[in-house]
Each structure stands twice: as structure tokens, then as C-alpha cells.
Amino acid sequence: MHVDRIEPLLQGHIADVCRLHISVSSAPVTTVTLPNTLILKRPADPTLNPLGQAFDSFEREVHFYKAIAPKISLRVPQCWAIDHGDRGLPALLLEDLGVAPSQMHHPTSFEQALERLAELHAVNTELLTIDHTIFSNINILKDICNLDSPSRSLYNSMHQSRFKTAVINALHTSESLPNDGSDCFLHCDFRWDNLLPAQGGTIIDWGDYCTGPRAYDLAYFLVTSLASLPDSQQPATLDQWLLTALSHYQTASRRMDQYKANAEELSTTELIASMTCWLPLAAWTPLTLLASEALPDSGKAYWRAVLHQSQRLFSALEHLDA
């Protein structure tokens, strides 16, 4: 195999991504046919990536492709190789399914994305080796968002509200957060720019996965979806938009063969109550990223919108939960 050209695609917080244009100069030893392009993913500069370093995100993604992806039927890129190189730094060679979309672009329909999320939550975790839970993620987050951290300073600058109180309580009293009767496989960063259009929605970027309540993933996806919509496309009635989304997610969940093997089905009322508790925790993601000096202006605008929409969605959830 010969690399003819390297095409840089993304320089991110967690990883640097490029496309390799390749050719085979002689007859292959095996019957495997190599594609014309592959995606090379390597860890980002650790000095620009404190969040990824703290969560060990790249090694977590390597473990996903090595030990988890082969055992599940989710739509994810094929991993062609895992290379640790001469310096011991891991690299992933992945199937090229096209360029990841921006936060503002929806590569598939909203309903299809909810169906992919339901499929993810239906994975039978008893068959997998998953060392991370939502609570181990929270413990890492507590260290990052300590009293002297930039993210805590940003939190302190927020206007006083019920949402602000819920955000700090979710971090410091996480042991009291409900598990909503589920212990699902979570992506923990399920949003539009981690979905590719291939096969009706292929999920990428597996550096934060863990087990935990489906309400976290669902709340995070809904609030980042709102943040990706221009003002002209914002739902006229947020309560109704939320109920419609939950209805579609639950309908998709009931169709999953493994669904009841993992957890009891939650009613809409129970799911709303759980999301009301877990959404404030998800607000620490934009707070942490906005505190990073390495975040580009476009990223700042997006994550400010996520933080704003978190407060809006929290108010709608509280209203429906009353």
C-alpha cells in the first residue's frame, strides 16, 4: 500500500483527522480489497486538549473499535487498523464515509437521528467490556471544574436562576441523580456533527462512551439540536416539540429486539423527570469548552447557543414535569 496524498480534514480538541489517498503498487497478499481512501485519526496536541486528556478520550475510542464495535450491530465506521507507532501513540485507520458535518448541518432527518439513539441505548451491555460509567465521567468532570477552574468562573458569571442552581447541584450531588431504571450504553456526545449520512446515520467519535441513564444522551442531543437551528427554524412551542421528539424516541425504542433485556420501559412522565435532573449536568460540557482558549470563534458561538438552549429546555422540562 502506498499513500499518494494526505488531505487534512480536522484539527480538533480530541483528535487530528486526515484522509489518506492510497494505491496498491503490487498484487495484494490477501483477498481483501483496499478502498481508495481511508481516514487517519490521531490524538490531538495534549497541550491543546486538557479535556480529552482528562477523559483519556482517544484511548477510550481505540478500545471501542477494538473490543466493542465488533460485537454490536450499530452503524459505525469499519476500523481497518489500530497502530501504536514507534512512539507508542495510537492511531486509527477508519472507513471513509465522507466528511463529518458542521454543528449546523443535519446529515439525516431528526427522526432518523432519534432512531439511531434508540438503537444505541438498546445495545446489550452485558456482552461488552465497558469500564466507564456516567458516574466515573462525573468524577473526572469534578476535577476539571474545581473552584479555581476557568469553567467554574464562567459558571459564576451566569445569571442567578433555578437552572444555575441545578447545574452546580448536578455536579456536586451527582450520587443523588436518578438512574431512571436503566443502565444503557451511552455515547455522551451524541449530536449532529458526530453523525454521518451513510446508512441513514452512522455514529462517529467514541471517546466519551460509558454506561448510564438514557436521559443524559437524550437531553444532550435535544439541546444541541436546538442550538443547531437558526432562529427562523426554532420550534414555535417548545413543549410540543419536546413531547413529539420523546414520542418518536420511545416508539423507536419499543421496536428494538433487545430493548426489554436492558431496562424497563419508561413512561413519558418518567423520562421527562429524569431528563430534568440530567440536563443540568450536560451544561458543564459547553461551560468547559467555552473556557478553553483554543476554541475557535465558530465553536464559541455554537457552545454559547448550547448553553442558552440548555436553560430554555430545562424550563420546558420543569413545566412538563410540574
Protein backbone atom coordinates (compact mmCIF):
# COMPACT_ATOMS: atom_id res chain seq x y z
CA MET A 1 0.00 0.00 0.00
CA HIS A 2 1.27 3.47 -0.90
CA VAL A 3 -0.05 6.77 0.41
CA ASP A 4 -0.35 9.09 -2.58
CA ARG A 5 -1.75 12.11 -0.81
CA ILE A 6 -2.66 13.26 2.71
CA GLU A 7 -5.71 15.52 2.92
CA PRO A 8 -6.13 17.31 6.29
CA LEU A 9 -9.76 17.37 7.44
CA LEU A 10 -9.96 18.40 11.07
CA GLN A 11 -7.73 19.64 13.87
CA GLY A 12 -9.85 19.17 16.96
CA HIS A 13 -9.77 19.05 20.74
CA ILE A 14 -9.63 15.26 20.87
CA ALA A 15 -8.06 14.22 17.58
CA ASP A 16 -6.50 15.33 14.34
CA VAL A 17 -8.17 13.78 11.32
CA CYS A 18 -6.98 13.45 7.72
CA ARG A 19 -7.91 11.46 4.62
CA LEU A 20 -5.31 9.16 3.10
CA HIS A 21 -5.49 8.67 -0.67
CA ILE A 22 -3.88 5.29 -1.25
CA SER A 23 -2.90 2.92 -4.02
CA VAL A 24 -1.64 -0.66 -4.16
CA SER A 25 1.52 -0.97 -6.24
CA SER A 26 1.57 -4.78 -6.43
CA ALA A 27 -0.81 -7.69 -6.13
CA PRO A 28 -2.13 -7.95 -2.57
CA VAL A 29 -1.21 -10.96 -0.45
CA THR A 30 -4.79 -11.39 0.75
CA THR A 31 -8.14 -11.29 -0.98
CA VAL A 32 -9.12 -8.12 0.93
CA THR A 33 -9.72 -5.20 -1.41
CA LEU A 34 -8.44 -1.93 -0.02
CA PRO A 35 -10.51 1.21 -0.59
CA ASN A 36 -9.07 4.21 -2.42
CA THR A 37 -9.24 6.36 0.71
CA LEU A 38 -9.06 5.83 4.46
CA ILE A 39 -9.49 8.14 7.43
CA LEU A 40 -6.47 8.50 9.73
CA LYS A 41 -7.29 9.68 13.23
CA ARG A 42 -4.55 10.56 15.74
CA PRO A 43 -4.58 12.20 19.20
CA ALA A 44 -4.55 15.99 19.19
CA ASP A 45 -1.78 18.03 20.78
CA PRO A 46 -2.16 17.29 24.52
CA THR A 47 -1.37 20.92 25.42
CA LEU A 48 -4.50 21.97 23.49
CA ASN A 49 -6.59 19.09 24.73
CA PRO A 50 -6.92 19.07 28.56
CA LEU A 51 -10.48 17.73 28.38
CA GLY A 52 -9.55 14.82 26.12
CA GLN A 53 -6.50 14.10 28.24
CA ALA A 54 -8.53 14.00 31.45
CA PHE A 55 -11.09 11.60 29.98
CA ASP A 56 -8.42 9.58 28.14
CA SER A 57 -10.73 10.02 25.18
CA PHE A 58 -8.53 8.72 22.40
CA GLU A 59 -7.55 5.52 24.21
CA ARG A 60 -11.23 5.07 25.04
CA GLU A 61 -12.10 5.33 21.36
CA VAL A 62 -9.35 2.84 20.47
CA HIS A 63 -10.88 0.40 22.97
CA PHE A 64 -14.30 0.96 21.41
CA TYR A 65 -13.11 -0.05 17.93
CA LYS A 66 -11.00 -2.91 19.26
CA ALA A 67 -13.34 -4.54 21.80
CA ILE A 68 -16.86 -3.14 21.42
CA ALA A 69 -17.62 -2.29 17.79
CA PRO A 70 -17.08 -5.87 16.53
CA LYS A 71 -19.72 -7.14 18.99
CA ILE A 72 -22.56 -4.72 18.24
CA SER A 73 -24.76 -4.01 15.24
CA LEU A 74 -24.69 -0.21 15.45
CA ARG A 75 -23.88 1.77 12.32
CA VAL A 76 -20.27 2.83 12.93
CA PRO A 77 -17.26 3.15 10.61
CA GLN A 78 -15.27 0.00 9.95
CA CYS A 79 -11.88 0.05 11.66
CA TRP A 80 -9.18 -1.17 9.25
CA ALA A 81 -6.27 -0.99 11.67
CA ILE A 82 -5.09 0.25 15.07
CA ASP A 83 -1.45 1.33 15.10
CA HIS A 84 0.54 2.40 18.15
CA GLY A 85 3.54 3.54 16.11
CA ASP A 86 7.16 3.90 17.11
CA ARG A 87 6.41 6.38 19.91
CA GLY A 88 3.51 4.40 21.35
CA LEU A 89 0.93 6.96 20.23
CA PRO A 90 -2.24 5.26 18.94
CA ALA A 91 -3.71 5.90 15.53
CA LEU A 92 -6.93 4.66 13.97
CA LEU A 93 -7.38 3.80 10.30
CA LEU A 94 -11.12 4.03 9.66
CA GLU A 95 -13.55 3.58 6.81
CA ASP A 96 -14.01 6.79 4.84
CA LEU A 97 -17.72 7.66 4.93
CA GLY A 98 -17.37 11.29 3.98
CA VAL A 99 -16.57 14.48 5.85
CA ALA A 100 -18.24 14.98 9.21
CA PRO A 101 -20.91 17.70 9.03
CA SER A 102 -20.74 21.00 10.87
CA GLN A 103 -22.79 21.55 14.02
CA MET A 104 -25.36 23.44 11.95
CA HIS A 105 -25.83 20.78 9.27
CA HIS A 106 -28.18 17.85 9.72
CA PRO A 107 -26.93 14.87 7.66
CA THR A 108 -30.08 12.87 8.26
CA SER A 109 -33.60 13.57 9.48
CA PHE A 110 -34.34 14.41 13.10
CA GLU A 111 -36.47 11.27 13.32
CA GLN A 112 -33.67 9.05 11.96
CA ALA A 113 -31.24 10.52 14.47
CA LEU A 114 -33.62 9.65 17.31
CA GLU A 115 -33.88 6.12 15.91
CA ARG A 116 -30.07 5.79 15.89
CA LEU A 117 -30.05 6.93 19.53
CA ALA A 118 -32.70 4.35 20.43
CA GLU A 119 -30.61 1.65 18.73
CA LEU A 120 -27.57 2.75 20.71
CA HIS A 121 -29.47 2.55 24.00
CA ALA A 122 -30.78 -0.91 23.11
CA VAL A 123 -27.28 -2.45 22.94
CA ASN A 124 -26.94 -5.33 25.39
CA THR A 125 -24.15 -4.10 27.67
CA GLU A 126 -23.81 -7.49 29.40
CA LEU A 127 -21.91 -8.74 26.35
CA LEU A 128 -19.39 -5.87 26.41
CA THR A 129 -16.35 -4.80 28.41
CA ILE A 130 -17.18 -1.24 29.46
CA ASP A 131 -15.05 0.17 32.27
CA HIS A 132 -16.60 3.63 32.31
CA THR A 133 -19.90 4.72 33.86
CA ILE A 134 -21.61 8.10 33.85
CA PHE A 135 -20.52 8.47 37.46
CA SER A 136 -16.84 7.85 36.68
CA ASN A 137 -17.18 10.51 33.97
CA ILE A 138 -18.68 12.87 36.56
CA ASN A 139 -15.77 12.29 38.94
CA ILE A 140 -13.36 13.34 36.18
CA LEU A 141 -15.54 16.37 35.45
CA LYS A 142 -15.44 17.40 39.11
CA ASP A 143 -11.64 17.57 38.96
CA ILE A 144 -11.76 19.67 35.78
CA CYS A 145 -14.44 22.05 37.11
CA ASN A 146 -12.87 22.74 40.50
CA LEU A 147 -13.27 26.05 42.34
CA ASP A 148 -10.30 27.69 40.61
CA SER A 149 -11.03 26.45 37.09
CA PRO A 150 -11.97 28.72 34.14
CA SER A 151 -15.20 26.73 33.69
CA ARG A 152 -16.21 27.50 37.28
CA SER A 153 -15.51 31.19 36.72
CA LEU A 154 -17.72 31.07 33.64
CA TYR A 155 -20.42 29.33 35.69
CA ASN A 156 -20.19 32.04 38.37
CA SER A 157 -20.85 34.70 35.72
CA MET A 158 -24.23 33.16 34.81
CA HIS A 159 -27.36 34.99 35.94
CA GLN A 160 -28.92 33.53 39.05
CA SER A 161 -31.77 31.16 38.16
CA ARG A 162 -33.22 27.77 39.01
CA PHE A 163 -31.18 26.38 36.14
CA LYS A 164 -27.90 27.77 37.52
CA THR A 165 -28.63 26.18 40.90
CA ALA A 166 -29.47 22.87 39.22
CA VAL A 167 -26.18 22.96 37.24
CA ILE A 168 -23.98 23.17 40.35
CA ASN A 169 -26.15 20.70 42.27
CA ALA A 170 -25.88 18.15 39.46
CA LEU A 171 -22.09 18.29 39.69
CA HIS A 172 -21.74 18.12 43.46
CA THR A 173 -24.65 15.86 44.39
CA SER A 174 -24.38 13.51 41.42
CA GLU A 175 -24.87 10.47 43.65
CA SER A 176 -28.49 11.55 44.10
CA LEU A 177 -29.19 11.81 40.35
CA PRO A 178 -31.71 9.17 39.24
CA ASN A 179 -30.56 6.22 37.15
CA ASP A 180 -34.11 6.10 35.66
CA GLY A 181 -34.11 2.32 35.93
CA SER A 182 -31.68 1.95 33.03
CA ASP A 183 -28.02 1.15 32.56
CA CYS A 184 -27.72 1.82 28.85
CA PHE A 185 -24.80 2.15 26.51
CA LEU A 186 -24.28 5.92 26.17
CA HIS A 187 -22.34 7.89 23.58
CA CYS A 188 -22.14 11.01 25.82
CA ASP A 189 -21.51 13.30 22.82
CA PHE A 190 -24.40 12.34 20.54
CA ARG A 191 -25.02 15.40 18.34
CA TRP A 192 -25.25 16.28 14.68
CA ASP A 193 -21.56 16.63 13.90
CA ASN A 194 -20.98 13.12 15.24
CA LEU A 195 -23.43 11.64 12.72
CA LEU A 196 -22.57 10.87 9.11
CA PRO A 197 -25.29 10.46 6.43
CA ALA A 198 -24.12 6.97 5.42
CA GLN A 199 -26.69 4.22 6.09
CA GLY A 200 -29.23 6.67 7.47
CA GLY A 201 -26.94 7.89 10.22
CA THR A 202 -23.53 6.43 11.12
CA ILE A 203 -22.24 7.35 14.59
CA ILE A 204 -18.64 8.55 14.98
CA ASP A 205 -16.36 9.93 17.73
CA TRP A 206 -16.50 7.34 20.51
CA GLY A 207 -14.12 8.94 23.01
CA ASP A 208 -16.66 9.55 25.80
CA TYR A 209 -18.82 6.39 25.80
CA CYS A 210 -19.94 4.89 29.10
CA THR A 211 -22.97 3.26 30.69
CA GLY A 212 -25.72 5.25 32.37
CA PRO A 213 -29.26 6.59 32.04
CA ARG A 214 -30.63 7.18 28.56
CA ALA A 215 -31.99 10.53 29.75
CA TYR A 216 -28.49 12.04 29.61
CA ASP A 217 -27.87 11.24 25.92
CA LEU A 218 -31.41 12.24 25.01
CA ALA A 219 -31.31 15.60 26.80
CA TYR A 220 -27.88 16.36 25.33
CA PHE A 221 -28.99 15.54 21.79
CA LEU A 222 -32.15 17.62 22.05
CA VAL A 223 -30.39 20.69 23.43
CA THR A 224 -27.59 20.54 20.85
CA SER A 225 -30.25 20.11 18.15
CA LEU A 226 -31.95 23.30 19.28
CA ALA A 227 -28.59 25.07 19.26
CA SER A 228 -28.02 24.00 15.64
CA LEU A 229 -31.25 25.56 14.39
CA PRO A 230 -31.36 29.19 13.17
CA ASP A 231 -33.87 31.48 14.87
CA SER A 232 -36.27 31.14 11.93
CA GLN A 233 -36.48 27.36 12.49
CA GLN A 234 -36.80 27.29 16.26
CA PRO A 235 -39.95 25.41 17.38
CA ALA A 236 -42.91 27.71 18.00
CA THR A 237 -43.96 25.64 21.02
CA LEU A 238 -41.02 24.07 22.80
CA ASP A 239 -43.22 21.84 24.99
CA GLN A 240 -44.89 20.26 21.95
CA TRP A 241 -41.59 19.87 20.09
CA LEU A 242 -40.16 18.07 23.12
CA LEU A 243 -43.16 15.75 23.52
CA THR A 244 -43.10 14.88 19.80
CA ALA A 245 -39.39 14.03 19.98
CA LEU A 246 -39.85 11.86 23.07
CA SER A 247 -42.78 10.06 21.46
CA HIS A 248 -40.70 9.19 18.39
CA TYR A 249 -37.75 8.06 20.50
CA GLN A 250 -39.96 5.82 22.64
CA THR A 251 -41.69 4.34 19.59
CA ALA A 252 -38.28 3.53 18.10
CA SER A 253 -37.14 2.03 21.41
CA ARG A 254 -40.09 -0.35 21.54
CA ARG A 255 -39.08 -1.74 18.15
CA MET A 256 -35.64 -2.74 19.38
CA ASP A 257 -35.38 -6.50 19.93
CA GLN A 258 -33.02 -6.11 22.89
CA TYR A 259 -34.79 -3.18 24.49
CA LYS A 260 -36.51 -5.01 27.35
CA ALA A 261 -33.38 -7.07 28.05
CA ASN A 262 -31.61 -3.92 29.21
CA ALA A 263 -34.22 -2.00 31.18
CA GLU A 264 -37.86 -1.44 31.84
CA GLU A 265 -39.58 0.98 29.52
CA LEU A 266 -40.02 4.47 30.97
CA SER A 267 -43.24 6.40 30.61
CA THR A 268 -43.05 9.87 29.07
CA THR A 269 -43.57 11.37 32.52
CA GLU A 270 -40.70 9.33 33.99
CA LEU A 271 -38.39 10.20 31.11
CA ILE A 272 -39.15 13.91 31.46
CA ALA A 273 -38.45 13.76 35.20
CA SER A 274 -35.12 12.04 34.60
CA MET A 275 -34.10 14.48 31.85
CA THR A 276 -34.89 17.41 34.16
CA CYS A 277 -32.25 16.04 36.54
CA TRP A 278 -29.61 15.11 33.94
CA LEU A 279 -29.75 18.11 31.58
CA PRO A 280 -28.04 20.46 34.09
CA LEU A 281 -25.08 18.08 34.23
CA ALA A 282 -24.77 18.24 30.42
CA ALA A 283 -24.42 22.04 30.73
CA TRP A 284 -20.87 21.53 32.03
CA THR A 285 -19.79 20.47 28.53
CA PRO A 286 -20.35 23.94 26.99
CA LEU A 287 -19.04 25.61 30.16
CA THR A 288 -15.80 23.62 29.96
CA LEU A 289 -15.31 24.08 26.22
CA LEU A 290 -16.11 27.81 26.33
CA ALA A 291 -13.42 28.21 28.98
CA SER A 292 -10.80 26.83 26.56
CA GLU A 293 -8.57 29.41 24.88
CA ALA A 294 -8.09 27.03 21.95
CA LEU A 295 -11.78 27.08 20.96
CA PRO A 296 -12.28 28.91 17.62
CA ASP A 297 -14.86 31.69 17.32
CA SER A 298 -17.28 29.45 15.41
CA GLY A 299 -17.09 26.91 18.22
CA LYS A 300 -17.69 29.61 20.82
CA ALA A 301 -20.87 30.76 19.06
CA TYR A 302 -22.16 27.19 18.88
CA TRP A 303 -21.43 26.30 22.52
CA ARG A 304 -22.90 29.59 23.76
CA ALA A 305 -26.05 28.63 21.89
CA VAL A 306 -25.98 25.17 23.55
CA LEU A 307 -25.74 26.79 26.98
CA HIS A 308 -28.60 29.17 26.15
CA GLN A 309 -30.79 26.37 24.81
CA SER A 310 -30.00 24.25 27.89
CA GLN A 311 -31.72 26.84 30.04
CA ARG A 312 -34.70 27.00 27.66
CA LEU A 313 -35.09 23.22 27.54
CA PHE A 314 -34.70 22.97 31.31
CA SER A 315 -37.60 25.40 31.76
CA ALA A 316 -39.75 23.39 29.35
CA LEU A 317 -38.91 20.13 31.15
CA GLU A 318 -39.75 21.68 34.52
CA HIS A 319 -43.06 22.92 33.12
CA LEU A 320 -43.97 19.48 31.79
CA ASP A 321 -42.74 17.83 34.99
CA ALA A 322 -44.90 20.04 37.23
